[in-house]
Amino acid sequence: MASRSGVVFEDFFPAMVEKLGTDGFMKELCNGFRLLMDEKKGVITFESLKRNANLLGLQDMSDDEVESWLDEEF
């Protein structure tokens, strides 16, 4: 997924796995998911992402941008 700066997450993936190790990287991904998820549903919802957007520095995201993140397939 490209960010506003054009940086793609996939470009950092190998470097982060190398730095943190596989277990450490998976732990970080899980921690990030837990921060953004709806605790009752156990998934990241529109509401939970919108509510926690400031954790990502994305508090100015429009509702359409949030929806497009949730609709994106990997």
N, C-alpha and C. Protein backbone atom coordinates (compact mmCIF):
# COMPACT_ATOMS: atom_id res chain seq x y z
N MET A 1 0.84 -1.16 0.00
CA MET A 1 0.00 0.00 0.00
C MET A 1 0.89 1.23 0.00
N ALA A 2 0.71 2.10 -0.95
CA ALA A 2 1.50 3.33 -1.03
C ALA A 2 0.93 4.37 -0.07
N SER A 3 1.80 5.10 0.56
CA SER A 3 1.37 6.17 1.44
C SER A 3 1.35 7.47 0.65
N ARG A 4 1.01 8.53 1.33
CA ARG A 4 0.99 9.84 0.68
C ARG A 4 2.37 10.23 0.19
N SER A 5 3.41 9.72 0.84
CA SER A 5 4.78 10.04 0.43
C SER A 5 5.28 9.12 -0.67
N GLY A 6 4.48 8.13 -1.05
CA GLY A 6 4.88 7.20 -2.09
C GLY A 6 5.66 6.01 -1.58
N VAL A 7 5.87 5.93 -0.26
CA VAL A 7 6.59 4.81 0.33
C VAL A 7 5.64 3.62 0.41
N VAL A 8 6.13 2.46 0.04
CA VAL A 8 5.31 1.26 0.02
C VAL A 8 5.74 0.34 1.16
N PHE A 9 4.76 -0.12 1.95
CA PHE A 9 5.03 -0.98 3.10
C PHE A 9 5.88 -2.17 2.72
N GLU A 10 5.58 -2.76 1.59
CA GLU A 10 6.29 -3.97 1.16
C GLU A 10 7.79 -3.74 1.00
N ASP A 11 8.19 -2.50 0.74
CA ASP A 11 9.61 -2.18 0.63
C ASP A 11 10.33 -2.31 1.96
N PHE A 12 9.63 -2.08 3.06
CA PHE A 12 10.22 -2.13 4.39
C PHE A 12 10.14 -3.50 5.03
N PHE A 13 9.28 -4.35 4.53
CA PHE A 13 9.02 -5.66 5.12
C PHE A 13 10.30 -6.47 5.33
N PRO A 14 11.13 -6.70 4.31
CA PRO A 14 12.34 -7.50 4.52
C PRO A 14 13.29 -6.89 5.54
N ALA A 15 13.45 -5.58 5.52
CA ALA A 15 14.35 -4.92 6.46
C ALA A 15 13.85 -5.05 7.89
N MET A 16 12.55 -4.94 8.08
CA MET A 16 12.00 -5.06 9.43
C MET A 16 12.09 -6.49 9.95
N VAL A 17 11.87 -7.46 9.09
CA VAL A 17 12.01 -8.86 9.51
C VAL A 17 13.46 -9.13 9.89
N GLU A 18 14.38 -8.60 9.10
CA GLU A 18 15.80 -8.80 9.40
C GLU A 18 16.17 -8.14 10.73
N LYS A 19 15.65 -6.95 10.97
CA LYS A 19 15.99 -6.22 12.20
C LYS A 19 15.36 -6.85 13.44
N LEU A 20 14.08 -7.21 13.35
CA LEU A 20 13.34 -7.69 14.52
C LEU A 20 13.31 -9.21 14.63
N GLY A 21 13.64 -9.90 13.56
CA GLY A 21 13.46 -11.34 13.52
C GLY A 21 12.00 -11.64 13.22
N THR A 22 11.73 -12.83 12.78
CA THR A 22 10.36 -13.19 12.39
C THR A 22 9.40 -13.06 13.56
N ASP A 23 9.78 -13.60 14.72
CA ASP A 23 8.89 -13.54 15.88
C ASP A 23 8.66 -12.11 16.34
N GLY A 24 9.71 -11.31 16.37
CA GLY A 24 9.59 -9.92 16.78
C GLY A 24 8.72 -9.12 15.83
N PHE A 25 8.88 -9.38 14.54
CA PHE A 25 8.08 -8.68 13.55
C PHE A 25 6.61 -9.04 13.67
N MET A 26 6.33 -10.33 13.84
CA MET A 26 4.94 -10.76 14.00
C MET A 26 4.32 -10.16 15.27
N LYS A 27 5.11 -10.08 16.32
CA LYS A 27 4.63 -9.49 17.57
C LYS A 27 4.27 -8.02 17.35
N GLU A 28 5.11 -7.29 16.63
CA GLU A 28 4.83 -5.88 16.34
C GLU A 28 3.57 -5.72 15.49
N LEU A 29 3.40 -6.58 14.49
CA LEU A 29 2.18 -6.53 13.68
C LEU A 29 0.94 -6.77 14.52
N CYS A 30 1.02 -7.76 15.40
CA CYS A 30 -0.11 -8.08 16.28
C CYS A 30 -0.40 -6.93 17.23
N ASN A 31 0.63 -6.31 17.77
CA ASN A 31 0.44 -5.16 18.66
C ASN A 31 -0.25 -4.01 17.93
N GLY A 32 0.18 -3.75 16.71
CA GLY A 32 -0.44 -2.71 15.91
C GLY A 32 -1.90 -3.01 15.61
N PHE A 33 -2.18 -4.27 15.29
CA PHE A 33 -3.56 -4.67 15.03
C PHE A 33 -4.41 -4.45 16.27
N ARG A 34 -3.90 -4.86 17.43
CA ARG A 34 -4.66 -4.70 18.68
C ARG A 34 -4.96 -3.23 18.98
N LEU A 35 -4.02 -2.35 18.65
CA LEU A 35 -4.24 -0.92 18.88
C LEU A 35 -5.38 -0.37 18.03
N LEU A 36 -5.54 -0.91 16.84
CA LEU A 36 -6.53 -0.38 15.90
C LEU A 36 -7.86 -1.11 15.89
N MET A 37 -7.91 -2.30 16.45
CA MET A 37 -9.12 -3.11 16.32
C MET A 37 -10.23 -2.68 17.27
N ASP A 38 -11.43 -3.07 16.93
CA ASP A 38 -12.59 -2.95 17.80
C ASP A 38 -12.50 -4.10 18.79
N GLU A 39 -12.36 -3.80 20.07
CA GLU A 39 -12.13 -4.83 21.07
C GLU A 39 -13.27 -5.85 21.16
N LYS A 40 -14.49 -5.41 20.95
CA LYS A 40 -15.63 -6.32 21.05
C LYS A 40 -15.73 -7.25 19.84
N LYS A 41 -15.39 -6.74 18.66
CA LYS A 41 -15.52 -7.53 17.43
C LYS A 41 -14.25 -8.27 17.05
N GLY A 42 -13.10 -7.80 17.55
CA GLY A 42 -11.83 -8.46 17.25
C GLY A 42 -11.32 -8.21 15.84
N VAL A 43 -11.84 -7.18 15.19
CA VAL A 43 -11.41 -6.80 13.84
C VAL A 43 -11.26 -5.28 13.79
N ILE A 44 -10.58 -4.81 12.76
CA ILE A 44 -10.48 -3.37 12.55
C ILE A 44 -11.72 -2.94 11.77
N THR A 45 -12.51 -2.07 12.36
CA THR A 45 -13.73 -1.57 11.74
C THR A 45 -13.52 -0.12 11.30
N PHE A 46 -14.47 0.39 10.54
CA PHE A 46 -14.42 1.80 10.15
C PHE A 46 -14.33 2.67 11.40
N GLU A 47 -15.18 2.40 12.37
CA GLU A 47 -15.23 3.21 13.58
C GLU A 47 -13.93 3.13 14.38
N SER A 48 -13.38 1.93 14.51
CA SER A 48 -12.15 1.79 15.30
C SER A 48 -10.96 2.44 14.58
N LEU A 49 -10.92 2.34 13.26
CA LEU A 49 -9.83 2.97 12.52
C LEU A 49 -9.96 4.48 12.58
N LYS A 50 -11.15 4.99 12.40
CA LYS A 50 -11.38 6.43 12.47
C LYS A 50 -11.04 6.96 13.86
N ARG A 51 -11.45 6.23 14.89
CA ARG A 51 -11.21 6.64 16.28
C ARG A 51 -9.71 6.66 16.61
N ASN A 52 -8.95 5.74 16.04
CA ASN A 52 -7.54 5.61 16.37
C ASN A 52 -6.61 6.17 15.29
N ALA A 53 -7.15 6.88 14.33
CA ALA A 53 -6.33 7.42 13.23
C ALA A 53 -5.22 8.33 13.74
N ASN A 54 -5.46 9.01 14.86
CA ASN A 54 -4.42 9.90 15.38
C ASN A 54 -3.18 9.13 15.83
N LEU A 55 -3.32 7.86 16.19
CA LEU A 55 -2.16 7.04 16.54
C LEU A 55 -1.22 6.88 15.35
N LEU A 56 -1.80 6.96 14.16
CA LEU A 56 -1.03 6.81 12.93
C LEU A 56 -0.66 8.17 12.33
N GLY A 57 -1.06 9.24 13.00
CA GLY A 57 -0.81 10.57 12.46
C GLY A 57 -1.74 10.90 11.31
N LEU A 58 -2.91 10.25 11.28
CA LEU A 58 -3.84 10.39 10.16
C LEU A 58 -5.18 10.95 10.61
N GLN A 59 -5.18 11.79 11.62
CA GLN A 59 -6.42 12.33 12.16
C GLN A 59 -7.22 13.15 11.16
N ASP A 60 -6.59 13.61 10.09
CA ASP A 60 -7.28 14.42 9.09
C ASP A 60 -7.84 13.59 7.93
N MET A 61 -7.78 12.27 8.03
CA MET A 61 -8.32 11.42 6.96
C MET A 61 -9.82 11.61 6.83
N SER A 62 -10.27 11.70 5.60
CA SER A 62 -11.71 11.79 5.36
C SER A 62 -12.33 10.41 5.53
N ASP A 63 -13.64 10.38 5.69
CA ASP A 63 -14.34 9.10 5.79
C ASP A 63 -14.12 8.25 4.54
N ASP A 64 -14.07 8.89 3.38
CA ASP A 64 -13.84 8.15 2.13
C ASP A 64 -12.46 7.49 2.12
N GLU A 65 -11.46 8.19 2.64
CA GLU A 65 -10.11 7.62 2.70
C GLU A 65 -10.05 6.43 3.65
N VAL A 66 -10.73 6.55 4.79
CA VAL A 66 -10.78 5.44 5.75
C VAL A 66 -11.45 4.24 5.10
N GLU A 67 -12.57 4.48 4.42
CA GLU A 67 -13.28 3.39 3.73
C GLU A 67 -12.39 2.73 2.68
N SER A 68 -11.63 3.53 1.95
CA SER A 68 -10.78 2.95 0.90
C SER A 68 -9.70 2.07 1.50
N TRP A 69 -9.19 2.42 2.67
CA TRP A 69 -8.21 1.56 3.36
C TRP A 69 -8.83 0.23 3.71
N LEU A 70 -10.06 0.27 4.20
CA LEU A 70 -10.73 -0.96 4.61
C LEU A 70 -11.13 -1.82 3.41
N ASP A 71 -11.38 -1.17 2.28
CA ASP A 71 -11.80 -1.90 1.08
C ASP A 71 -10.62 -2.47 0.30
N GLU A 72 -9.41 -1.99 0.57
CA GLU A 72 -8.24 -2.41 -0.20
C GLU A 72 -7.93 -3.88 0.05
N GLU A 73 -7.67 -4.60 -1.02
CA GLU A 73 -7.30 -6.01 -0.93
C GLU A 73 -5.80 -6.14 -1.10
N PHE A 74 -5.23 -7.07 -0.36
CA PHE A 74 -3.78 -7.28 -0.43
C PHE A 74 -3.49 -8.56 -1.12
